[in-house]
Amino acid sequence: MFAQFNYAYFDGEIPAHEIAYNNRFSNVAGRITYKPPKIELSPKHLRDKPEQLRETLLHEMIHAWLFARGENPGHTPTFKKKMRDLGLTSIYHDLGTAPPLNENPKRYILRCEHCRRELLRKRKPQPAMRCAHCRRNVVVFEVVEMRQLEDGVAKAAHSGM
């Protein structure tokens, strides 16, 4: 699709970009990086939605096209004019909320034993992590089970010890 769109809409001016899906995207449909040249797309937002996939890829390609021409690749008036020329109506997508493709039940709680602040993280933190507030070491707890309570509020299970 990239090569087809590049020649059809941009006269082949966009240099080659790696196109990849990024399963970690939660609130964006696409993203571009220039060094290395790469366009990432959200499979959970674009799966079974060929028109939104087309619009998202073209949107990211406009950024790449402007960058290749030495112009500001942001959402400038030039960007918006090119969008209109391609039949795109908005820089935003109404994608709703897409559930994760593969729900990862692991969650981590980071607690500073000094200032008592807590943070919830999806990924396991690096060893010897420090509190951003007081710079002391934090204790890491792994949440291993979630249970739905009768009142409808999910809470982390604990042993009661």
N, C-alpha and C. Protein backbone atom coordinates (compact mmCIF):
# COMPACT_ATOMS: atom_id res chain seq x y z
N MET A 1 0.81 -1.19 0.00
CA MET A 1 0.00 0.00 0.00
C MET A 1 0.86 1.26 0.00
N PHE A 2 1.94 1.23 0.80
CA PHE A 2 2.80 2.40 0.91
C PHE A 2 3.31 2.82 -0.47
N ALA A 3 3.89 1.88 -1.21
CA ALA A 3 4.45 2.19 -2.53
C ALA A 3 3.36 2.67 -3.48
N GLN A 4 2.21 2.01 -3.44
CA GLN A 4 1.10 2.40 -4.30
C GLN A 4 0.66 3.83 -4.02
N PHE A 5 0.46 4.16 -2.73
CA PHE A 5 0.04 5.50 -2.36
C PHE A 5 1.13 6.53 -2.65
N ASN A 6 2.38 6.15 -2.44
CA ASN A 6 3.49 7.07 -2.67
C ASN A 6 3.50 7.56 -4.12
N TYR A 7 3.32 6.65 -5.05
CA TYR A 7 3.34 7.05 -6.46
C TYR A 7 2.03 7.67 -6.91
N ALA A 8 0.92 7.22 -6.35
CA ALA A 8 -0.38 7.75 -6.75
C ALA A 8 -0.64 9.16 -6.23
N TYR A 9 -0.20 9.45 -5.00
CA TYR A 9 -0.56 10.72 -4.37
C TYR A 9 0.61 11.65 -4.08
N PHE A 10 1.85 11.13 -4.11
CA PHE A 10 3.01 11.94 -3.73
C PHE A 10 4.11 11.94 -4.79
N ASP A 11 3.79 11.48 -6.01
CA ASP A 11 4.76 11.42 -7.12
C ASP A 11 6.04 10.69 -6.73
N GLY A 12 5.95 9.74 -5.82
CA GLY A 12 7.12 8.94 -5.42
C GLY A 12 8.15 9.71 -4.62
N GLU A 13 7.78 10.85 -4.04
CA GLU A 13 8.73 11.71 -3.33
C GLU A 13 9.09 11.22 -1.93
N ILE A 14 8.32 10.29 -1.39
CA ILE A 14 8.58 9.84 -0.01
C ILE A 14 9.62 8.71 -0.05
N PRO A 15 10.72 8.85 0.68
CA PRO A 15 11.68 7.74 0.73
C PRO A 15 11.07 6.53 1.42
N ALA A 16 11.67 5.38 1.23
CA ALA A 16 11.15 4.13 1.81
C ALA A 16 11.06 4.25 3.33
N HIS A 17 9.98 3.75 3.88
CA HIS A 17 9.75 3.70 5.32
C HIS A 17 9.40 2.26 5.69
N GLU A 18 9.87 1.84 6.85
CA GLU A 18 9.40 0.57 7.39
C GLU A 18 7.97 0.79 7.86
N ILE A 19 7.09 -0.15 7.55
CA ILE A 19 5.71 -0.09 8.01
C ILE A 19 5.54 -1.25 8.98
N ALA A 20 5.07 -0.96 10.20
CA ALA A 20 4.93 -2.00 11.21
C ALA A 20 3.68 -1.76 12.04
N TYR A 21 3.18 -2.84 12.61
CA TYR A 21 2.09 -2.74 13.57
C TYR A 21 2.69 -2.67 14.97
N ASN A 22 2.07 -1.87 15.83
CA ASN A 22 2.53 -1.74 17.21
C ASN A 22 1.35 -2.08 18.13
N ASN A 23 1.43 -3.26 18.75
CA ASN A 23 0.34 -3.72 19.61
C ASN A 23 0.20 -2.91 20.89
N ARG A 24 1.19 -2.10 21.22
CA ARG A 24 1.13 -1.33 22.47
C ARG A 24 0.35 -0.04 22.35
N PHE A 25 0.00 0.38 21.14
CA PHE A 25 -0.75 1.62 20.98
C PHE A 25 -2.11 1.49 21.66
N SER A 26 -2.44 2.44 22.52
CA SER A 26 -3.73 2.39 23.20
C SER A 26 -4.64 3.54 22.80
N ASN A 27 -4.06 4.67 22.41
CA ASN A 27 -4.92 5.81 22.09
C ASN A 27 -4.50 6.54 20.81
N VAL A 28 -3.68 5.90 19.98
CA VAL A 28 -3.33 6.47 18.69
C VAL A 28 -3.50 5.41 17.61
N ALA A 29 -3.86 5.85 16.42
CA ALA A 29 -4.03 4.92 15.30
C ALA A 29 -2.72 4.74 14.55
N GLY A 30 -1.86 5.77 14.57
CA GLY A 30 -0.60 5.69 13.85
C GLY A 30 0.41 6.68 14.39
N ARG A 31 1.68 6.41 14.02
CA ARG A 31 2.77 7.29 14.45
C ARG A 31 3.89 7.17 13.42
N ILE A 32 4.63 8.26 13.25
CA ILE A 32 5.76 8.25 12.34
C ILE A 32 7.03 8.66 13.08
N THR A 33 8.13 8.03 12.73
CA THR A 33 9.45 8.48 13.17
C THR A 33 10.27 8.70 11.90
N TYR A 34 11.16 9.65 11.96
CA TYR A 34 11.92 10.01 10.77
C TYR A 34 13.30 9.38 10.75
N LYS A 35 13.88 9.15 11.90
CA LYS A 35 15.19 8.51 11.99
C LYS A 35 15.11 7.43 13.05
N PRO A 36 14.96 6.19 12.71
CA PRO A 36 14.84 5.61 11.37
C PRO A 36 13.45 5.90 10.78
N PRO A 37 13.36 5.91 9.46
CA PRO A 37 12.05 6.17 8.83
C PRO A 37 11.10 4.99 9.05
N LYS A 38 10.07 5.23 9.84
CA LYS A 38 9.17 4.14 10.21
C LYS A 38 7.78 4.69 10.48
N ILE A 39 6.78 3.99 9.97
CA ILE A 39 5.38 4.30 10.25
C ILE A 39 4.83 3.11 11.02
N GLU A 40 4.28 3.40 12.20
CA GLU A 40 3.68 2.35 13.02
C GLU A 40 2.17 2.55 13.06
N LEU A 41 1.46 1.45 12.99
CA LEU A 41 0.00 1.48 12.98
C LEU A 41 -0.55 0.62 14.10
N SER A 42 -1.73 0.95 14.58
CA SER A 42 -2.37 0.22 15.67
C SER A 42 -3.26 -0.88 15.12
N PRO A 43 -2.89 -2.15 15.31
CA PRO A 43 -3.75 -3.22 14.81
C PRO A 43 -5.10 -3.28 15.53
N LYS A 44 -5.13 -2.93 16.81
CA LYS A 44 -6.41 -3.05 17.52
C LYS A 44 -7.40 -1.97 17.10
N HIS A 45 -6.92 -0.83 16.60
CA HIS A 45 -7.83 0.21 16.13
C HIS A 45 -8.18 0.05 14.66
N LEU A 46 -7.31 -0.59 13.89
CA LEU A 46 -7.50 -0.62 12.44
C LEU A 46 -7.88 -1.99 11.88
N ARG A 47 -7.91 -3.00 12.73
CA ARG A 47 -8.28 -4.35 12.27
C ARG A 47 -9.71 -4.33 11.71
N ASP A 48 -9.86 -4.92 10.54
CA ASP A 48 -11.16 -5.02 9.86
C ASP A 48 -11.76 -3.65 9.54
N LYS A 49 -10.91 -2.63 9.40
CA LYS A 49 -11.39 -1.28 9.06
C LYS A 49 -10.51 -0.74 7.92
N PRO A 50 -10.67 -1.27 6.71
CA PRO A 50 -9.76 -0.90 5.61
C PRO A 50 -9.77 0.60 5.27
N GLU A 51 -10.90 1.26 5.41
CA GLU A 51 -10.94 2.69 5.08
C GLU A 51 -10.17 3.50 6.12
N GLN A 52 -10.29 3.14 7.40
CA GLN A 52 -9.53 3.86 8.43
C GLN A 52 -8.05 3.54 8.32
N LEU A 53 -7.71 2.33 7.91
CA LEU A 53 -6.30 1.98 7.68
C LEU A 53 -5.74 2.85 6.56
N ARG A 54 -6.49 2.99 5.48
CA ARG A 54 -6.07 3.84 4.35
C ARG A 54 -5.87 5.29 4.82
N GLU A 55 -6.85 5.83 5.55
CA GLU A 55 -6.77 7.21 6.00
C GLU A 55 -5.59 7.43 6.95
N THR A 56 -5.37 6.47 7.84
CA THR A 56 -4.27 6.61 8.82
C THR A 56 -2.93 6.53 8.11
N LEU A 57 -2.78 5.59 7.18
CA LEU A 57 -1.51 5.48 6.45
C LEU A 57 -1.27 6.75 5.63
N LEU A 58 -2.28 7.25 4.95
CA LEU A 58 -2.11 8.50 4.18
C LEU A 58 -1.76 9.66 5.10
N HIS A 59 -2.39 9.73 6.26
CA HIS A 59 -2.08 10.80 7.23
C HIS A 59 -0.60 10.77 7.59
N GLU A 60 -0.09 9.58 7.94
CA GLU A 60 1.33 9.47 8.31
C GLU A 60 2.23 9.73 7.11
N MET A 61 1.78 9.36 5.93
CA MET A 61 2.57 9.61 4.72
C MET A 61 2.67 11.10 4.40
N ILE A 62 1.64 11.87 4.74
CA ILE A 62 1.72 13.32 4.54
C ILE A 62 2.83 13.89 5.42
N HIS A 63 2.92 13.41 6.67
CA HIS A 63 4.03 13.84 7.53
C HIS A 63 5.36 13.52 6.86
N ALA A 64 5.51 12.29 6.35
CA ALA A 64 6.75 11.86 5.71
C ALA A 64 7.05 12.69 4.47
N TRP A 65 6.04 13.00 3.69
CA TRP A 65 6.19 13.78 2.47
C TRP A 65 6.70 15.19 2.79
N LEU A 66 6.10 15.82 3.77
CA LEU A 66 6.54 17.17 4.15
C LEU A 66 7.98 17.14 4.68
N PHE A 67 8.30 16.14 5.49
CA PHE A 67 9.65 16.00 6.02
C PHE A 67 10.66 15.82 4.89
N ALA A 68 10.31 15.00 3.91
CA ALA A 68 11.21 14.75 2.76
C ALA A 68 11.43 16.01 1.93
N ARG A 69 10.47 16.90 1.93
CA ARG A 69 10.58 18.16 1.18
C ARG A 69 11.26 19.26 1.99
N GLY A 70 11.64 18.95 3.22
CA GLY A 70 12.30 19.94 4.07
C GLY A 70 11.33 20.92 4.70
N GLU A 71 10.06 20.58 4.71
CA GLU A 71 9.04 21.45 5.29
C GLU A 71 8.67 20.96 6.68
N ASN A 72 8.00 21.81 7.44
CA ASN A 72 7.52 21.44 8.76
C ASN A 72 6.53 20.29 8.62
N PRO A 73 6.81 19.12 9.23
CA PRO A 73 5.91 17.98 9.06
C PRO A 73 4.73 17.95 10.03
N GLY A 74 4.53 19.01 10.78
CA GLY A 74 3.41 19.06 11.73
C GLY A 74 2.08 19.27 11.03
N HIS A 75 1.04 19.47 11.79
CA HIS A 75 -0.30 19.68 11.26
C HIS A 75 -0.48 21.14 10.85
N THR A 76 0.32 21.55 9.89
CA THR A 76 0.35 22.93 9.40
C THR A 76 -0.74 23.14 8.34
N PRO A 77 -0.93 24.36 7.87
CA PRO A 77 -1.87 24.58 6.77
C PRO A 77 -1.50 23.77 5.52
N THR A 78 -0.21 23.59 5.24
CA THR A 78 0.20 22.77 4.09
C THR A 78 -0.24 21.33 4.29
N PHE A 79 -0.07 20.82 5.51
CA PHE A 79 -0.50 19.46 5.83
C PHE A 79 -2.01 19.32 5.60
N LYS A 80 -2.77 20.29 6.11
CA LYS A 80 -4.22 20.21 6.01
C LYS A 80 -4.71 20.37 4.57
N LYS A 81 -4.00 21.15 3.78
CA LYS A 81 -4.36 21.28 2.36
C LYS A 81 -4.15 19.95 1.64
N LYS A 82 -3.03 19.30 1.92
CA LYS A 82 -2.76 18.00 1.29
C LYS A 82 -3.80 16.98 1.74
N MET A 83 -4.22 17.05 3.00
CA MET A 83 -5.28 16.15 3.47
C MET A 83 -6.56 16.36 2.65
N ARG A 84 -6.94 17.62 2.47
CA ARG A 84 -8.16 17.91 1.69
C ARG A 84 -8.00 17.41 0.26
N ASP A 85 -6.81 17.60 -0.32
CA ASP A 85 -6.55 17.14 -1.69
C ASP A 85 -6.74 15.62 -1.82
N LEU A 86 -6.44 14.90 -0.73
CA LEU A 86 -6.56 13.43 -0.73
C LEU A 86 -7.94 12.96 -0.26
N GLY A 87 -8.82 13.91 0.08
CA GLY A 87 -10.16 13.54 0.51
C GLY A 87 -10.26 13.18 1.98
N LEU A 88 -9.23 13.52 2.75
CA LEU A 88 -9.28 13.28 4.19
C LEU A 88 -9.89 14.49 4.87
N THR A 89 -10.71 14.26 5.88
CA THR A 89 -11.47 15.37 6.44
C THR A 89 -10.95 15.89 7.77
N SER A 90 -10.23 15.07 8.53
CA SER A 90 -9.81 15.51 9.85
C SER A 90 -8.47 14.89 10.21
N ILE A 91 -7.71 15.61 11.05
CA ILE A 91 -6.44 15.05 11.52
C ILE A 91 -6.68 14.04 12.63
N TYR A 92 -7.93 13.95 13.10
CA TYR A 92 -8.27 13.05 14.20
C TYR A 92 -9.12 11.89 13.70
N HIS A 93 -9.07 10.79 14.43
CA HIS A 93 -9.92 9.64 14.16
C HIS A 93 -10.85 9.43 15.35
N ASP A 94 -12.09 9.11 15.06
CA ASP A 94 -13.00 8.71 16.13
C ASP A 94 -12.98 7.19 16.17
N LEU A 95 -12.01 6.65 16.90
CA LEU A 95 -11.84 5.20 16.92
C LEU A 95 -12.50 4.56 18.12
N GLY A 96 -13.07 5.35 19.00
CA GLY A 96 -13.67 4.78 20.19
C GLY A 96 -12.60 4.16 21.07
N THR A 97 -13.02 3.26 21.92
CA THR A 97 -12.06 2.57 22.77
C THR A 97 -11.96 1.14 22.30
N ALA A 98 -10.79 0.74 21.93
CA ALA A 98 -10.57 -0.63 21.47
C ALA A 98 -9.96 -1.43 22.61
N PRO A 99 -10.50 -2.61 22.88
CA PRO A 99 -9.91 -3.43 23.93
C PRO A 99 -8.54 -3.92 23.51
N PRO A 100 -7.66 -4.22 24.45
CA PRO A 100 -6.34 -4.75 24.09
C PRO A 100 -6.48 -6.04 23.30
N LEU A 101 -5.57 -6.27 22.35
CA LEU A 101 -5.60 -7.52 21.59
C LEU A 101 -5.31 -8.70 22.50
N ASN A 102 -4.33 -8.57 23.34
CA ASN A 102 -3.96 -9.61 24.28
C ASN A 102 -3.86 -8.97 25.66
N GLU A 103 -4.88 -9.14 26.46
CA GLU A 103 -4.87 -8.53 27.78
C GLU A 103 -3.77 -9.16 28.62
N ASN A 104 -2.90 -8.33 29.14
CA ASN A 104 -1.83 -8.81 30.01
C ASN A 104 -2.28 -8.58 31.44
N PRO A 105 -2.52 -9.66 32.20
CA PRO A 105 -3.03 -9.49 33.54
C PRO A 105 -2.00 -8.97 34.54
N LYS A 106 -0.74 -9.00 34.19
CA LYS A 106 0.28 -8.56 35.14
C LYS A 106 0.26 -7.05 35.28
N ARG A 107 0.28 -6.62 36.51
CA ARG A 107 0.37 -5.20 36.83
C ARG A 107 1.32 -5.08 38.01
N TYR A 108 1.96 -3.96 38.10
CA TYR A 108 2.93 -3.75 39.17
C TYR A 108 2.57 -2.49 39.95
N ILE A 109 2.69 -2.58 41.25
CA ILE A 109 2.49 -1.43 42.13
C ILE A 109 3.86 -1.05 42.67
N LEU A 110 4.24 0.21 42.48
CA LEU A 110 5.50 0.72 43.01
C LEU A 110 5.16 1.59 44.21
N ARG A 111 5.75 1.28 45.36
CA ARG A 111 5.46 2.04 46.58
C ARG A 111 6.75 2.55 47.19
N CYS A 112 6.77 3.83 47.48
CA CYS A 112 7.88 4.41 48.21
C CYS A 112 7.58 4.26 49.69
N GLU A 113 8.43 3.56 50.40
CA GLU A 113 8.22 3.34 51.83
C GLU A 113 8.52 4.59 52.66
N HIS A 114 9.19 5.56 52.04
CA HIS A 114 9.51 6.78 52.77
C HIS A 114 8.38 7.80 52.69
N CYS A 115 7.99 8.17 51.46
CA CYS A 115 6.95 9.20 51.33
C CYS A 115 5.55 8.61 51.07
N ARG A 116 5.46 7.29 50.96
CA ARG A 116 4.20 6.54 50.85
C ARG A 116 3.46 6.75 49.53
N ARG A 117 4.11 7.30 48.53
CA ARG A 117 3.46 7.45 47.24
C ARG A 117 3.42 6.09 46.54
N GLU A 118 2.38 5.87 45.72
CA GLU A 118 2.24 4.64 44.97
C GLU A 118 1.95 4.94 43.51
N LEU A 119 2.44 4.08 42.64
CA LEU A 119 2.18 4.17 41.21
C LEU A 119 1.79 2.79 40.71
N LEU A 120 0.95 2.73 39.70
CA LEU A 120 0.57 1.48 39.06
C LEU A 120 1.22 1.45 37.68
N ARG A 121 1.89 0.36 37.37
CA ARG A 121 2.58 0.22 36.08
C ARG A 121 2.19 -1.08 35.41
N LYS A 122 2.11 -1.04 34.08
CA LYS A 122 1.83 -2.26 33.32
C LYS A 122 3.08 -3.11 33.15
N ARG A 123 4.21 -2.47 33.01
CA ARG A 123 5.46 -3.20 32.78
C ARG A 123 6.28 -3.29 34.06
N LYS A 124 7.04 -4.37 34.14
CA LYS A 124 7.90 -4.55 35.30
C LYS A 124 8.97 -3.46 35.29
N PRO A 125 9.13 -2.76 36.40
CA PRO A 125 10.12 -1.67 36.42
C PRO A 125 11.55 -2.20 36.49
N GLN A 126 12.48 -1.34 36.15
CA GLN A 126 13.90 -1.67 36.22
C GLN A 126 14.30 -1.90 37.68
N PRO A 127 15.30 -2.75 37.91
CA PRO A 127 15.78 -2.94 39.29
C PRO A 127 16.32 -1.62 39.86
N ALA A 128 16.25 -1.50 41.16
CA ALA A 128 16.75 -0.33 41.89
C ALA A 128 16.07 0.96 41.43
N MET A 129 14.78 0.89 41.15
CA MET A 129 14.03 2.08 40.76
C MET A 129 13.87 2.99 41.98
N ARG A 130 13.87 4.30 41.73
CA ARG A 130 13.77 5.28 42.81
C ARG A 130 12.51 6.11 42.67
N CYS A 131 12.06 6.60 43.78
CA CYS A 131 10.89 7.47 43.83
C CYS A 131 11.23 8.80 43.16
N ALA A 132 10.35 9.25 42.29
CA ALA A 132 10.59 10.53 41.60
C ALA A 132 10.45 11.71 42.55
N HIS A 133 9.73 11.52 43.65
CA HIS A 133 9.51 12.62 44.59
C HIS A 133 10.67 12.78 45.58
N CYS A 134 11.06 11.68 46.24
CA CYS A 134 12.06 11.80 47.31
C CYS A 134 13.38 11.07 46.99
N ARG A 135 13.44 10.43 45.83
CA ARG A 135 14.66 9.75 45.34
C ARG A 135 15.08 8.55 46.19
N ARG A 136 14.20 8.02 47.02
CA ARG A 136 14.48 6.81 47.79
C ARG A 136 14.09 5.59 46.96
N ASN A 137 14.59 4.42 47.33
CA ASN A 137 14.22 3.20 46.63
C ASN A 137 12.74 2.89 46.81
N VAL A 138 12.14 2.28 45.78
CA VAL A 138 10.74 1.88 45.87
C VAL A 138 10.65 0.36 46.00
N VAL A 139 9.57 -0.09 46.58
CA VAL A 139 9.26 -1.51 46.69
C VAL A 139 8.28 -1.84 45.56
N VAL A 140 8.52 -2.97 44.89
CA VAL A 140 7.67 -3.35 43.76
C VAL A 140 6.81 -4.54 44.16
N PHE A 141 5.49 -4.41 43.94
CA PHE A 141 4.55 -5.49 44.18
C PHE A 141 3.95 -5.91 42.85
N GLU A 142 3.87 -7.21 42.62
CA GLU A 142 3.23 -7.70 41.41
C GLU A 142 1.80 -8.10 41.76
N VAL A 143 0.83 -7.55 41.02
CA VAL A 143 -0.57 -7.92 41.21
C VAL A 143 -0.78 -9.19 40.39
N VAL A 144 -1.09 -10.28 41.07
CA VAL A 144 -1.17 -11.57 40.37
C VAL A 144 -2.60 -12.02 40.09
N GLU A 145 -3.58 -11.36 40.70
CA GLU A 145 -4.96 -11.78 40.47
C GLU A 145 -5.88 -10.58 40.62
N MET A 146 -6.87 -10.52 39.74
CA MET A 146 -7.92 -9.50 39.85
C MET A 146 -9.23 -10.24 40.03
N ARG A 147 -10.05 -9.77 40.93
CA ARG A 147 -11.36 -10.38 41.18
C ARG A 147 -12.45 -9.32 41.05
N GLN A 148 -13.56 -9.70 40.44
CA GLN A 148 -14.71 -8.81 40.34
C GLN A 148 -15.50 -8.94 41.64
N LEU A 149 -15.72 -7.84 42.34
CA LEU A 149 -16.49 -7.86 43.57
C LEU A 149 -17.97 -7.71 43.26
N GLU A 150 -18.79 -8.04 44.22
CA GLU A 150 -20.24 -7.98 44.01
C GLU A 150 -20.73 -6.59 43.67
N ASP A 151 -20.05 -5.54 44.17
CA ASP A 151 -20.49 -4.18 43.87
C ASP A 151 -20.02 -3.72 42.50
N GLY A 152 -19.34 -4.62 41.73
CA GLY A 152 -18.93 -4.30 40.38
C GLY A 152 -17.57 -3.62 40.27
N VAL A 153 -16.87 -3.45 41.38
CA VAL A 153 -15.58 -2.80 41.36
C VAL A 153 -14.49 -3.86 41.42
N ALA A 154 -13.58 -3.86 40.45
CA ALA A 154 -12.48 -4.81 40.45
C ALA A 154 -11.39 -4.32 41.39
N LYS A 155 -10.88 -5.20 42.21
CA LYS A 155 -9.81 -4.86 43.13
C LYS A 155 -8.76 -5.95 43.13
N ALA A 156 -7.55 -5.58 43.46
CA ALA A 156 -6.47 -6.56 43.53
C ALA A 156 -6.72 -7.48 44.73
N ALA A 157 -6.52 -8.77 44.51
CA ALA A 157 -6.68 -9.73 45.60
C ALA A 157 -5.46 -9.65 46.51
N HIS A 158 -5.68 -9.87 47.79
CA HIS A 158 -4.57 -9.90 48.72
C HIS A 158 -4.81 -11.04 49.72
N SER A 159 -3.75 -11.46 50.37
CA SER A 159 -3.83 -12.63 51.22
C SER A 159 -4.38 -12.34 52.61
N GLY A 160 -4.42 -11.11 53.03
CA GLY A 160 -4.95 -10.75 54.35
C GLY A 160 -3.96 -11.01 55.47
N MET A 161 -2.70 -11.18 55.14
CA MET A 161 -1.69 -11.45 56.16
C MET A 161 -1.19 -10.17 56.78
